[in-house]
Protein backbone atom coordinates (compact mmCIF):
# COMPACT_ATOMS: atom_id res chain seq x y z
CA MET A 1 -11.19 -0.30 16.54
CA ILE A 2 -9.83 -1.84 13.33
CA ARG A 3 -12.91 -4.02 12.97
CA ILE A 4 -15.05 -0.87 13.19
CA LEU A 5 -12.92 0.95 10.61
CA PHE A 6 -13.11 -2.08 8.32
CA PHE A 7 -16.90 -2.00 8.57
CA VAL A 8 -17.09 1.76 7.97
CA LYS A 9 -14.78 1.57 4.96
CA HIS A 10 -16.78 -1.16 3.23
CA ARG A 11 -20.30 -0.23 4.33
CA LEU A 12 -20.37 3.52 5.05
CA GLY A 13 -18.36 5.15 2.29
CA PHE A 14 -19.35 8.74 3.03
CA ILE A 15 -18.31 8.50 6.69
CA TRP A 16 -15.09 6.76 5.66
CA ARG A 17 -14.17 9.65 3.35
CA ILE A 18 -14.64 12.10 6.23
CA ILE A 19 -12.39 9.95 8.45
CA GLU A 20 -9.80 9.77 5.67
CA TYR A 21 -9.81 13.53 5.22
CA LEU A 22 -9.43 14.34 8.92
CA ASN A 23 -6.78 11.67 9.35
CA GLY A 24 -4.92 13.09 6.37
CA VAL A 25 -4.87 16.58 7.86
CA LEU A 26 -3.51 15.34 11.19
CA PHE A 27 -0.99 13.00 9.58
CA GLY A 28 0.27 15.83 7.39
CA VAL A 29 0.91 18.00 10.43
CA LEU A 30 2.39 15.34 12.70
CA PHE A 31 4.27 12.86 10.53
CA ALA A 32 4.43 13.74 6.83
CA LYS A 33 7.79 15.54 6.86
CA ARG A 34 9.73 12.70 8.53
CA PHE A 35 7.87 10.06 6.48
CA GLY A 36 8.77 11.86 3.29
CA ARG A 37 12.44 12.12 4.18
CA ILE A 38 12.78 8.42 5.00
CA LEU A 39 10.66 7.28 2.07
CA ASP A 40 12.65 9.36 -0.40
CA GLY A 41 15.81 7.54 0.63
CA GLU A 42 14.18 4.11 0.39
CA LEU A 43 12.80 4.83 -3.10
CA LYS A 44 16.15 6.07 -4.38
CA ASN A 45 17.95 3.02 -2.99
CA ALA A 46 15.55 0.70 -4.84
CA CYS A 47 16.09 2.24 -8.29
CA THR A 48 17.97 0.22 -10.90
CA ASN A 49 19.08 0.78 -14.47
CA GLN A 50 15.86 -0.88 -15.60
CA TYR A 51 13.28 0.49 -13.15
CA SER A 52 12.71 3.67 -11.21
CA TYR A 53 10.71 3.94 -8.00
CA HIS A 54 9.03 7.18 -7.02
CA LEU A 55 5.99 8.85 -5.53
CA LEU A 56 3.02 9.28 -7.82
CA SER A 57 1.86 12.77 -8.74
CA PRO A 58 -1.43 14.11 -10.16
CA ASN A 59 0.20 13.83 -13.61
CA ASP A 60 0.29 10.04 -13.13
CA VAL A 61 -3.47 9.60 -12.60
CA ASP A 62 -4.25 8.64 -16.20
CA ALA A 63 -1.38 6.15 -16.38
CA LEU A 64 -2.31 4.65 -13.01
CA GLN A 65 -5.92 4.18 -14.02
CA VAL A 66 -4.88 2.47 -17.24
CA PHE A 67 -2.51 0.22 -15.31
CA LEU A 68 -5.15 -0.80 -12.74
CA THR A 69 -8.03 -1.32 -15.17
CA GLN A 70 -5.96 -3.33 -17.65
CA GLN A 71 -4.83 -5.97 -15.14
CA PRO A 72 -6.47 -9.40 -15.47
CA GLU A 73 -9.39 -10.12 -13.15
CA ASP A 74 -7.39 -12.68 -11.21
CA GLN A 75 -4.87 -9.93 -10.42
CA THR A 76 -7.41 -7.51 -8.94
CA ARG A 77 -9.94 -9.92 -7.48
CA PHE A 78 -8.46 -9.48 -4.00
CA PHE A 79 -6.83 -6.10 -4.63
CA LYS A 80 -9.58 -3.59 -3.98
CA PRO A 81 -8.11 -0.96 -1.63
CA HIS A 82 -10.06 1.78 -3.42
CA ALA A 83 -11.97 2.43 -6.62
CA PHE A 84 -9.97 2.78 -9.82
CA ASP A 85 -11.75 5.83 -11.29
CA LYS A 86 -9.86 9.10 -11.83
CA THR A 87 -11.87 10.99 -9.21
CA THR A 88 -10.93 8.55 -6.45
CA LEU A 89 -7.30 8.32 -7.53
CA SER A 90 -6.98 12.12 -7.61
CA ARG A 91 -8.59 12.48 -4.19
CA LEU A 92 -6.24 9.94 -2.63
CA LEU A 93 -3.19 11.53 -4.25
CA HIS A 94 -4.03 14.77 -2.45
CA ASN A 95 -4.33 13.03 0.94
CA PRO A 96 -0.99 13.19 2.84
CA SER A 97 -1.78 9.99 4.76
CA PHE A 98 -2.32 7.89 1.62
CA ILE A 99 1.15 7.58 0.11
CA MET A 100 0.99 6.26 -3.45
CA MET A 101 4.09 5.01 -5.26
CA GLY A 102 4.92 3.36 -8.55
CA ILE A 103 7.57 1.38 -10.38
CA PHE A 104 8.29 2.77 -13.83
CA THR A 105 10.20 1.47 -16.83
CA GLN A 106 12.63 3.66 -18.74
CA HIS A 107 9.69 4.55 -21.01
CA HIS A 108 7.67 5.77 -18.01
CA GLN A 109 5.29 2.82 -18.09
CA ILE A 110 3.86 1.87 -14.70
CA VAL A 111 4.55 -1.79 -13.97
CA GLY A 112 3.96 -1.76 -10.21
CA TYR A 113 1.75 0.20 -7.84
CA PHE A 114 2.06 0.24 -4.06
CA PHE A 115 0.85 2.39 -1.21
CA LEU A 116 1.02 3.12 2.50
CA ARG A 117 -2.28 4.05 4.13
CA CYS A 118 -1.18 5.66 7.39
CA PHE A 119 -3.19 6.52 10.49
CA VAL A 120 -2.36 8.93 13.28
CA ASN A 121 -2.45 6.08 15.82
CA LYS A 122 0.83 4.95 14.20
CA LYS A 123 -0.60 2.08 12.19
CA CYS A 124 0.24 1.70 8.52
CA PHE A 125 -1.63 -0.49 6.03
CA ILE A 126 0.18 -1.62 2.90
CA GLY A 127 -0.93 -2.69 -0.56
CA ARG A 128 0.84 -3.65 -3.78
CA ILE A 129 0.23 -5.02 -7.25
CA VAL A 130 2.65 -5.91 -10.05
CA ASP A 131 1.74 -5.89 -13.74
CA ALA A 132 0.90 -9.39 -14.88
CA ASN A 133 3.60 -9.16 -17.59
CA PHE A 134 6.36 -8.11 -15.18
CA GLN A 135 6.07 -10.67 -12.40
CA ARG A 136 8.80 -12.97 -11.06
CA GLN A 137 11.43 -10.23 -11.29
CA GLY A 138 11.57 -9.38 -7.59
CA LEU A 139 9.44 -6.25 -7.98
CA ALA A 140 6.89 -7.29 -5.35
CA LYS A 141 9.66 -7.97 -2.85
CA SER A 142 11.31 -4.62 -3.50
CA MET A 143 8.00 -2.81 -2.99
CA SER A 144 7.44 -4.68 0.26
CA ASN A 145 10.91 -3.80 1.54
CA ILE A 146 10.31 -0.11 0.86
CA MET A 147 6.98 -0.13 2.66
CA TYR A 148 8.15 -2.21 5.62
CA ARG A 149 11.26 -0.15 6.26
CA THR A 150 9.47 3.17 5.88
CA ALA A 151 6.80 2.14 8.37
CA TRP A 152 9.22 0.64 10.90
CA LEU A 153 11.75 3.48 10.74
CA ASN A 154 8.92 5.88 11.51
CA GLY A 155 7.79 3.78 14.49
CA PHE A 156 4.57 2.59 12.83
CA GLN A 157 3.04 -0.87 12.87
CA CYS A 158 3.03 -2.40 9.38
CA LEU A 159 -0.30 -4.11 8.69
CA THR A 160 -2.22 -5.71 5.87
CA THR A 161 -5.43 -7.65 5.34
CA ILE A 162 -5.43 -11.03 3.58
CA SER A 163 -8.42 -12.91 2.24
CA LYS A 164 -8.52 -16.58 3.18
CA HIS A 165 -9.84 -17.20 -0.34
CA ASN A 166 -6.67 -15.75 -1.88
CA ARG A 167 -4.82 -19.02 -1.54
CA ALA A 168 -1.59 -17.94 -3.26
CA ILE A 169 -1.03 -14.97 -0.93
CA PHE A 170 -2.47 -16.75 2.10
CA ASP A 171 -0.16 -19.76 1.67
CA LEU A 172 2.81 -17.47 1.01
CA HIS A 173 2.26 -15.56 4.24
CA GLN A 174 1.78 -18.81 6.14
CA LYS A 175 5.45 -19.57 5.38
CA GLU A 176 6.73 -16.18 6.51
CA LYS A 177 8.41 -16.09 9.91
CA ASN A 178 8.02 -12.37 10.54
CA ILE A 179 4.25 -12.08 10.37
CA GLN A 180 1.65 -12.30 13.09
CA VAL A 181 -2.07 -12.82 12.59
CA LEU A 182 -3.77 -10.31 14.88
CA LYS A 183 -7.43 -11.10 14.34
CA GLU A 184 -10.10 -12.32 11.96
CA LEU A 185 -12.17 -9.68 10.16
CA PRO A 186 -15.54 -9.92 8.40
CA ASP A 187 -15.84 -11.54 4.97
CA HIS A 188 -13.07 -14.10 5.65
CA TYR A 189 -10.24 -11.58 5.97
CA LEU A 190 -7.32 -11.73 8.38
CA LEU A 191 -5.54 -8.75 9.89
CA VAL A 192 -1.79 -9.42 9.74
CA GLU A 193 1.19 -7.51 11.11
CA MET A 194 4.65 -7.61 9.52
CA LEU A 195 7.27 -7.70 12.27
CA PRO A 196 10.89 -6.52 11.94
CA ASN A 197 13.16 -9.56 12.02
CA GLN A 198 16.44 -7.69 12.55
CA PRO A 199 17.39 -4.89 14.96
CA ASN A 200 18.38 -2.55 12.10
CA PHE A 201 15.68 -3.82 9.71
């Protein structure tokens, strides 16, 4: 099934948008309330004096587009979960199953973007990117912890896709003990599941 969805997403954009819309409606009815309650707690717990973590709103579309389009090419070469235009970002922000979050400085500058793409079959895909000027501060790890815990506490599988050509990320995940490669996908991608390594996460 995931292989089919992967193909539809990358080859049949119109059909993928229909699937996303219908999935969003069902997710909103079945899971959104509990997801929101758990996620709100995880975001608040991650906040520091320097950075705040919160859900993105339609008012953040312009700032998010600037953030995404100003990252160096080597930052976004393997980070293409969706287009970066305002129309796409606005559409996704209105989809309950595509949960978009950001890390903000005290001056409301976005320095990290992460998301949970949830499906009604209780699978959750994650994605994240940190501003090139704000790396090596633990921001990527904090985003991952929020996404992992939110997915697991809601009883969802936590999944991601990794390109074999993205050596830095590929080698990093090779060292992780709580991941499992589920299958190979087209275009040299791997489907990977993050597994809880403690009973209480």
